[in-house]
Amino acid sequence: AALEAAGEDTEGTKPVLVERAVAAARAAAEEENSGEYGEEGYDSDEGYPVEEGDDIDVGARLLGKFSGDGRYYDCVVEEVTETGYQVLFTEYGDSEELSRERLRYYAAEDDSCAGDEEGYF
């Protein structure tokens, strides 16, 4: 968006940017491989739901409900589709299309990062 605002030609750059975002998410997941939840995923009450009307951009890091076991795992949005979002589960490298209802934002670790009642800072 910044390039477009500056009048720069952005044709052909979005796939490269998406590829970079996905690669960065994979690298970060490998670094964070040992965490509180590890390979077991997150409980369904972790984080908070993505509301109707929330804009989710390509490259956003969220929790996604994996169809294989119904648990939430770290994921990055690879593509916005007509019916939801194509995400990459960063810990395992699996991709899946998820509806908004199967995505959650990360929970703030303390109240200083929680924002206001609607999650805005």
Foldseek 3Di string as FASTA:
>chain_A
DVCVVVVHDCPPVVLVVLVVLLVVLLVVCVVPCDDPCHPVAAAPPFAAADDPPDDDDASDWWWFQDPVPRGTAIWTFSDADPAATWIARNNPRDIDGDHSRRIGHGQDPDPVQQDDPVRHD
